[in-house]
Amino acid sequence: MHTVIRIVALAAIALAATACSQKDPAAEAITAAEGALAAVYDDAQKYLPERYAEVKAELDAGRKAFEEERYAEAITAVKDVPAHAEALSKEVVTAKQKKLSELNADWARLSGSLPTLLTNIGARLAELGKMRKLPQGMDKQLLDEANAAHASASAAWDEAGQAFNAGDLETAVGKARDAEGTAQDLVARLGMQAG
């Protein structure tokens, strides 16, 4: 009976020693995986959030296994995370370049057409403001709203230019698109020819 108890006790000690011997390597593997993923976090979240989530799921599986003291499974779960994070980093560079190319094209289009459009709208509003009798379908309230919308679109365009000059192309294009939307709405409301 004592022999059986000793064998069971030795087996338990051996099992505990094996588990403990894998705890440090598992912790190191998780730390390495966290570091690799943290290095690409900002741009990956911005440009490829789905791919980032896939790689993070591997890390989360490793963390869960570690918390449940399944150290060998934790090591297996995170062993490819550094390589996947490196691949993700390369994919992010490509996605970022594509996005910047699209933003540059949008900015070129907007900066080529929007200032003239806003000027034309301003001229039409000034013309309408000088009339004693507004055209059919137009009243003072509509004219006041159009003037306010024009001022808002012009301010958004100015802010877009400031953002562009500061190197913030994404904000610049976003504000310019807002200004363009307002300007196009004004063209329709004022009965102007588009383009």
C-alpha atoms as a PDB file:
ATOM      1  CA  MET A   1       0.000   0.000   0.000  1.00  0.00           C
ATOM      2  CA  HIS A   2       2.810   2.426   0.860  1.00  0.00           C
ATOM      3  CA  THR A   3       4.477   1.564  -2.406  1.00  0.00           C
ATOM      4  CA  VAL A   4       1.344   2.478  -4.337  1.00  0.00           C
ATOM      5  CA  ILE A   5       1.066   5.778  -2.470  1.00  0.00           C
ATOM      6  CA  ARG A   6       4.740   6.515  -3.168  1.00  0.00           C
ATOM      7  CA  ILE A   7       4.309   5.751  -6.850  1.00  0.00           C
ATOM      8  CA  VAL A   8       1.232   7.996  -7.066  1.00  0.00           C
ATOM      9  CA  ALA A   9       3.051  10.746  -5.143  1.00  0.00           C
ATOM     10  CA  LEU A  10       6.116  10.466  -7.402  1.00  0.00           C
ATOM     11  CA  ALA A  11       3.896  10.560 -10.484  1.00  0.00           C
ATOM     12  CA  ALA A  12       2.161  13.681  -9.163  1.00  0.00           C
ATOM     13  CA  ILE A  13       5.517  15.327  -8.449  1.00  0.00           C
ATOM     14  CA  ALA A  14       6.795  14.408 -11.915  1.00  0.00           C
ATOM     15  CA  LEU A  15       3.630  15.774 -13.506  1.00  0.00           C
ATOM     16  CA  ALA A  16       3.896  19.015 -11.509  1.00  0.00           C
ATOM     17  CA  ALA A  17       7.580  19.352 -12.429  1.00  0.00           C
ATOM     18  CA  THR A  18       6.775  18.846 -16.094  1.00  0.00           C
ATOM     19  CA  ALA A  19       4.039  21.461 -15.948  1.00  0.00           C
ATOM     20  CA  CYS A  20       6.302  23.898 -14.120  1.00  0.00           C
ATOM     21  CA  SER A  21       9.109  23.279 -16.580  1.00  0.00           C
ATOM     22  CA  GLN A  22       6.827  24.432 -19.416  1.00  0.00           C
ATOM     23  CA  LYS A  23       5.423  27.453 -17.593  1.00  0.00           C
ATOM     24  CA  ASP A  24       8.453  29.696 -18.176  1.00  0.00           C
ATOM     25  CA  PRO A  25       8.823  28.849 -21.878  1.00  0.00           C
ATOM     26  CA  ALA A  26       5.075  29.392 -22.335  1.00  0.00           C
ATOM     27  CA  ALA A  27       5.272  32.772 -20.603  1.00  0.00           C
ATOM     28  CA  GLU A  28       8.257  33.727 -22.778  1.00  0.00           C
ATOM     29  CA  ALA A  29       6.445  32.626 -25.942  1.00  0.00           C
ATOM     30  CA  ILE A  30       3.386  34.686 -25.011  1.00  0.00           C
ATOM     31  CA  THR A  31       5.537  37.722 -24.220  1.00  0.00           C
ATOM     32  CA  ALA A  32       7.298  37.411 -27.586  1.00  0.00           C
ATOM     33  CA  ALA A  33       3.957  37.067 -29.374  1.00  0.00           C
ATOM     34  CA  GLU A  34       2.558  40.104 -27.534  1.00  0.00           C
ATOM     35  CA  GLY A  35       5.595  42.159 -28.500  1.00  0.00           C
ATOM     36  CA  ALA A  36       5.388  41.149 -32.136  1.00  0.00           C
ATOM     37  CA  LEU A  37       1.692  41.980 -32.324  1.00  0.00           C
ATOM     38  CA  ALA A  38       2.066  45.251 -30.404  1.00  0.00           C
ATOM     39  CA  ALA A  39       4.612  46.426 -32.996  1.00  0.00           C
ATOM     40  CA  VAL A  40       1.946  46.416 -35.732  1.00  0.00           C
ATOM     41  CA  TYR A  41      -1.076  47.351 -33.592  1.00  0.00           C
ATOM     42  CA  ASP A  42      -1.777  50.952 -34.686  1.00  0.00           C
ATOM     43  CA  ASP A  43      -1.513  50.576 -38.443  1.00  0.00           C
ATOM     44  CA  ALA A  44      -2.996  47.071 -38.477  1.00  0.00           C
ATOM     45  CA  GLN A  45      -6.057  48.248 -36.534  1.00  0.00           C
ATOM     46  CA  LYS A  46      -6.448  51.152 -38.951  1.00  0.00           C
ATOM     47  CA  TYR A  47      -5.834  49.469 -42.303  1.00  0.00           C
ATOM     48  CA  LEU A  48      -6.444  45.728 -41.789  1.00  0.00           C
ATOM     49  CA  PRO A  49      -8.540  45.261 -38.645  1.00  0.00           C
ATOM     50  CA  GLU A  50      -9.894  41.853 -39.710  1.00  0.00           C
ATOM     51  CA  ARG A  51      -6.405  40.414 -40.262  1.00  0.00           C
ATOM     52  CA  TYR A  52      -5.242  41.894 -36.969  1.00  0.00           C
ATOM     53  CA  ALA A  53      -8.171  40.214 -35.208  1.00  0.00           C
ATOM     54  CA  GLU A  54      -7.201  36.851 -36.737  1.00  0.00           C
ATOM     55  CA  VAL A  55      -3.640  37.057 -35.412  1.00  0.00           C
ATOM     56  CA  LYS A  56      -4.806  38.395 -32.053  1.00  0.00           C
ATOM     57  CA  ALA A  57      -7.160  35.411 -31.736  1.00  0.00           C
ATOM     58  CA  GLU A  58      -4.100  33.137 -31.835  1.00  0.00           C
ATOM     59  CA  LEU A  59      -2.516  35.148 -29.037  1.00  0.00           C
ATOM     60  CA  ASP A  60      -5.747  35.104 -27.022  1.00  0.00           C
ATOM     61  CA  ALA A  61      -5.956  31.317 -27.379  1.00  0.00           C
ATOM     62  CA  GLY A  62      -2.425  31.054 -26.026  1.00  0.00           C
ATOM     63  CA  ARG A  63      -3.207  33.356 -23.103  1.00  0.00           C
ATOM     64  CA  LYS A  64      -6.294  31.320 -22.242  1.00  0.00           C
ATOM     65  CA  ALA A  65      -4.360  28.053 -22.336  1.00  0.00           C
ATOM     66  CA  PHE A  66      -1.680  29.616 -20.132  1.00  0.00           C
ATOM     67  CA  GLU A  67      -4.262  30.801 -17.595  1.00  0.00           C
ATOM     68  CA  GLU A  68      -5.668  27.260 -17.522  1.00  0.00           C
ATOM     69  CA  GLU A  69      -2.118  25.925 -16.943  1.00  0.00           C
ATOM     70  CA  ARG A  70      -2.060  24.126 -20.291  1.00  0.00           C
ATOM     71  CA  TYR A  71       1.423  25.392 -21.037  1.00  0.00           C
ATOM     72  CA  ALA A  72       2.263  23.137 -23.984  1.00  0.00           C
ATOM     73  CA  GLU A  73      -0.960  24.218 -25.704  1.00  0.00           C
ATOM     74  CA  ALA A  74      -0.137  27.854 -24.956  1.00  0.00           C
ATOM     75  CA  ILE A  75       3.244  27.485 -26.647  1.00  0.00           C
ATOM     76  CA  THR A  76       1.648  25.796 -29.651  1.00  0.00           C
ATOM     77  CA  ALA A  77      -1.055  28.463 -29.911  1.00  0.00           C
ATOM     78  CA  VAL A  78       1.372  31.392 -30.014  1.00  0.00           C
ATOM     79  CA  LYS A  79       4.366  29.876 -31.785  1.00  0.00           C
ATOM     80  CA  ASP A  80       3.357  31.328 -35.167  1.00  0.00           C
ATOM     81  CA  VAL A  81       2.164  34.729 -33.906  1.00  0.00           C
ATOM     82  CA  PRO A  82       5.525  36.499 -34.464  1.00  0.00           C
ATOM     83  CA  ALA A  83       5.692  35.235 -38.065  1.00  0.00           C
ATOM     84  CA  HIS A  84       2.044  36.104 -38.646  1.00  0.00           C
ATOM     85  CA  ALA A  85       2.612  39.577 -37.147  1.00  0.00           C
ATOM     86  CA  GLU A  86       5.555  40.089 -39.506  1.00  0.00           C
ATOM     87  CA  ALA A  87       3.433  39.037 -42.489  1.00  0.00           C
ATOM     88  CA  LEU A  88       0.670  41.339 -41.234  1.00  0.00           C
ATOM     89  CA  SER A  89       3.185  44.177 -41.059  1.00  0.00           C
ATOM     90  CA  LYS A  90       3.993  43.709 -44.744  1.00  0.00           C
ATOM     91  CA  GLU A  91       0.301  43.532 -45.658  1.00  0.00           C
ATOM     92  CA  VAL A  92      -0.310  46.731 -43.683  1.00  0.00           C
ATOM     93  CA  VAL A  93       2.394  48.562 -45.645  1.00  0.00           C
ATOM     94  CA  THR A  94       0.666  47.595 -48.887  1.00  0.00           C
ATOM     95  CA  ALA A  95      -2.801  48.530 -47.571  1.00  0.00           C
ATOM     96  CA  LYS A  96      -1.508  51.848 -46.236  1.00  0.00           C
ATOM     97  CA  GLN A  97       0.125  52.716 -49.568  1.00  0.00           C
ATOM     98  CA  LYS A  98      -3.096  51.878 -51.394  1.00  0.00           C
ATOM     99  CA  LYS A  99      -5.148  54.036 -49.003  1.00  0.00           C
ATOM    100  CA  LEU A 100      -2.723  56.959 -49.339  1.00  0.00           C
ATOM    101  CA  SER A 101      -2.838  56.657 -53.110  1.00  0.00           C
ATOM    102  CA  GLU A 102      -6.651  56.798 -53.007  1.00  0.00           C
ATOM    103  CA  LEU A 103      -6.568  59.792 -50.656  1.00  0.00           C
ATOM    104  CA  ASN A 104      -4.071  61.625 -52.883  1.00  0.00           C
ATOM    105  CA  ALA A 105      -6.268  61.028 -55.929  1.00  0.00           C
ATOM    106  CA  ASP A 106      -9.323  62.274 -54.015  1.00  0.00           C
ATOM    107  CA  TRP A 107      -7.463  65.348 -52.809  1.00  0.00           C
ATOM    108  CA  ALA A 108      -6.303  66.162 -56.341  1.00  0.00           C
ATOM    109  CA  ARG A 109      -9.875  65.882 -57.623  1.00  0.00           C
ATOM    110  CA  LEU A 110     -11.372  67.903 -54.779  1.00  0.00           C
ATOM    111  CA  SER A 111      -8.735  70.633 -54.777  1.00  0.00           C
ATOM    112  CA  GLY A 112      -9.158  70.964 -58.520  1.00  0.00           C
ATOM    113  CA  SER A 113     -12.928  71.458 -58.481  1.00  0.00           C
ATOM    114  CA  LEU A 114     -14.194  72.469 -55.057  1.00  0.00           C
ATOM    115  CA  PRO A 115     -12.762  76.015 -54.798  1.00  0.00           C
ATOM    116  CA  THR A 116     -14.399  76.982 -58.110  1.00  0.00           C
ATOM    117  CA  LEU A 117     -17.661  75.364 -57.101  1.00  0.00           C
ATOM    118  CA  LEU A 118     -17.716  77.253 -53.787  1.00  0.00           C
ATOM    119  CA  THR A 119     -16.885  80.503 -55.580  1.00  0.00           C
ATOM    120  CA  ASN A 120     -19.727  79.948 -58.050  1.00  0.00           C
ATOM    121  CA  ILE A 121     -22.170  79.191 -55.243  1.00  0.00           C
ATOM    122  CA  GLY A 122     -21.051  82.325 -53.394  1.00  0.00           C
ATOM    123  CA  ALA A 123     -21.593  84.389 -56.529  1.00  0.00           C
ATOM    124  CA  ARG A 124     -25.072  82.911 -57.034  1.00  0.00           C
ATOM    125  CA  LEU A 125     -25.970  83.601 -53.397  1.00  0.00           C
ATOM    126  CA  ALA A 126     -24.744  87.196 -53.714  1.00  0.00           C
ATOM    127  CA  GLU A 127     -26.798  87.601 -56.882  1.00  0.00           C
ATOM    128  CA  LEU A 128     -29.904  86.219 -55.155  1.00  0.00           C
ATOM    129  CA  GLY A 129     -29.285  88.435 -52.141  1.00  0.00           C
ATOM    130  CA  LYS A 130     -29.422  91.553 -54.312  1.00  0.00           C
ATOM    131  CA  MET A 131     -32.770  90.657 -55.867  1.00  0.00           C
ATOM    132  CA  ARG A 132     -35.861  92.448 -54.660  1.00  0.00           C
ATOM    133  CA  LYS A 133     -37.979  89.477 -55.595  1.00  0.00           C
ATOM    134  CA  LEU A 134     -36.538  85.977 -55.328  1.00  0.00           C
ATOM    135  CA  PRO A 135     -37.175  83.437 -58.097  1.00  0.00           C
ATOM    136  CA  GLN A 136     -40.145  81.103 -57.811  1.00  0.00           C
ATOM    137  CA  GLY A 137     -39.553  78.328 -55.264  1.00  0.00           C
ATOM    138  CA  MET A 138     -37.048  80.464 -53.336  1.00  0.00           C
ATOM    139  CA  ASP A 139     -37.810  82.419 -50.197  1.00  0.00           C
ATOM    140  CA  LYS A 140     -35.788  84.369 -47.643  1.00  0.00           C
ATOM    141  CA  GLN A 141     -35.553  81.383 -45.305  1.00  0.00           C
ATOM    142  CA  LEU A 142     -34.135  79.149 -48.051  1.00  0.00           C
ATOM    143  CA  LEU A 143     -31.661  81.870 -48.992  1.00  0.00           C
ATOM    144  CA  ASP A 144     -30.571  82.278 -45.353  1.00  0.00           C
ATOM    145  CA  GLU A 145     -30.156  78.506 -44.994  1.00  0.00           C
ATOM    146  CA  ALA A 146     -28.175  78.375 -48.223  1.00  0.00           C
ATOM    147  CA  ASN A 147     -25.889  81.192 -47.054  1.00  0.00           C
ATOM    148  CA  ALA A 148     -25.288  79.361 -43.764  1.00  0.00           C
ATOM    149  CA  ALA A 149     -24.591  76.088 -45.588  1.00  0.00           C
ATOM    150  CA  HIS A 150     -22.193  77.882 -47.950  1.00  0.00           C
ATOM    151  CA  ALA A 151     -20.350  79.413 -44.989  1.00  0.00           C
ATOM    152  CA  SER A 152     -20.143  75.967 -43.393  1.00  0.00           C
ATOM    153  CA  ALA A 153     -18.846  74.351 -46.597  1.00  0.00           C
ATOM    154  CA  SER A 154     -16.299  77.139 -47.061  1.00  0.00           C
ATOM    155  CA  ALA A 155     -15.112  76.725 -43.455  1.00  0.00           C
ATOM    156  CA  ALA A 156     -14.808  72.953 -43.951  1.00  0.00           C
ATOM    157  CA  TRP A 157     -12.780  73.555 -47.118  1.00  0.00           C
ATOM    158  CA  ASP A 158     -10.489  75.963 -45.221  1.00  0.00           C
ATOM    159  CA  GLU A 159     -10.027  73.354 -42.469  1.00  0.00           C
ATOM    160  CA  ALA A 160      -9.291  70.751 -45.143  1.00  0.00           C
ATOM    161  CA  GLY A 161      -6.552  72.970 -46.548  1.00  0.00           C
ATOM    162  CA  GLN A 162      -5.070  73.458 -43.089  1.00  0.00           C
ATOM    163  CA  ALA A 163      -5.089  69.713 -42.446  1.00  0.00           C
ATOM    164  CA  PHE A 164      -3.461  69.090 -45.829  1.00  0.00           C
ATOM    165  CA  ASN A 165      -0.749  71.663 -45.110  1.00  0.00           C
ATOM    166  CA  ALA A 166      -0.160  69.992 -41.731  1.00  0.00           C
ATOM    167  CA  GLY A 167       0.349  66.652 -43.497  1.00  0.00           C
ATOM    168  CA  ASP A 168      -2.909  65.075 -42.321  1.00  0.00           C
ATOM    169  CA  LEU A 169      -4.207  63.857 -45.658  1.00  0.00           C
ATOM    170  CA  GLU A 170      -6.952  61.668 -44.193  1.00  0.00           C
ATOM    171  CA  THR A 171      -8.531  64.542 -42.244  1.00  0.00           C
ATOM    172  CA  ALA A 172      -8.068  66.884 -45.206  1.00  0.00           C
ATOM    173  CA  VAL A 173      -9.907  64.583 -47.582  1.00  0.00           C
ATOM    174  CA  GLY A 174     -12.652  63.875 -45.026  1.00  0.00           C
ATOM    175  CA  LYS A 175     -13.345  67.581 -44.502  1.00  0.00           C
ATOM    176  CA  ALA A 176     -13.138  68.265 -48.238  1.00  0.00           C
ATOM    177  CA  ARG A 177     -15.650  65.483 -48.923  1.00  0.00           C
ATOM    178  CA  ASP A 178     -17.992  67.025 -46.349  1.00  0.00           C
ATOM    179  CA  ALA A 179     -17.624  70.424 -48.033  1.00  0.00           C
ATOM    180  CA  GLU A 180     -18.232  68.844 -51.433  1.00  0.00           C
ATOM    181  CA  GLY A 181     -21.416  67.148 -50.233  1.00  0.00           C
ATOM    182  CA  THR A 182     -22.753  70.419 -48.871  1.00  0.00           C
ATOM    183  CA  ALA A 183     -21.772  72.252 -52.058  1.00  0.00           C
ATOM    184  CA  GLN A 184     -23.500  69.684 -54.268  1.00  0.00           C
ATOM    185  CA  ASP A 185     -26.626  69.980 -52.141  1.00  0.00           C
ATOM    186  CA  LEU A 186     -26.506  73.764 -52.549  1.00  0.00           C
ATOM    187  CA  VAL A 187     -26.148  73.480 -56.321  1.00  0.00           C
ATOM    188  CA  ALA A 188     -29.344  71.417 -56.393  1.00  0.00           C
ATOM    189  CA  ARG A 189     -31.234  73.675 -53.964  1.00  0.00           C
ATOM    190  CA  LEU A 190     -30.244  76.840 -55.818  1.00  0.00           C
ATOM    191  CA  GLY A 191     -31.129  75.393 -59.220  1.00  0.00           C
ATOM    192  CA  MET A 192     -27.586  75.790 -60.524  1.00  0.00           C
ATOM    193  CA  GLN A 193     -25.980  73.685 -63.224  1.00  0.00           C
ATOM    194  CA  ALA A 194     -23.740  71.001 -61.704  1.00  0.00           C
ATOM    195  CA  GLY A 195     -20.104  70.860 -62.707  1.00  0.00           C
END
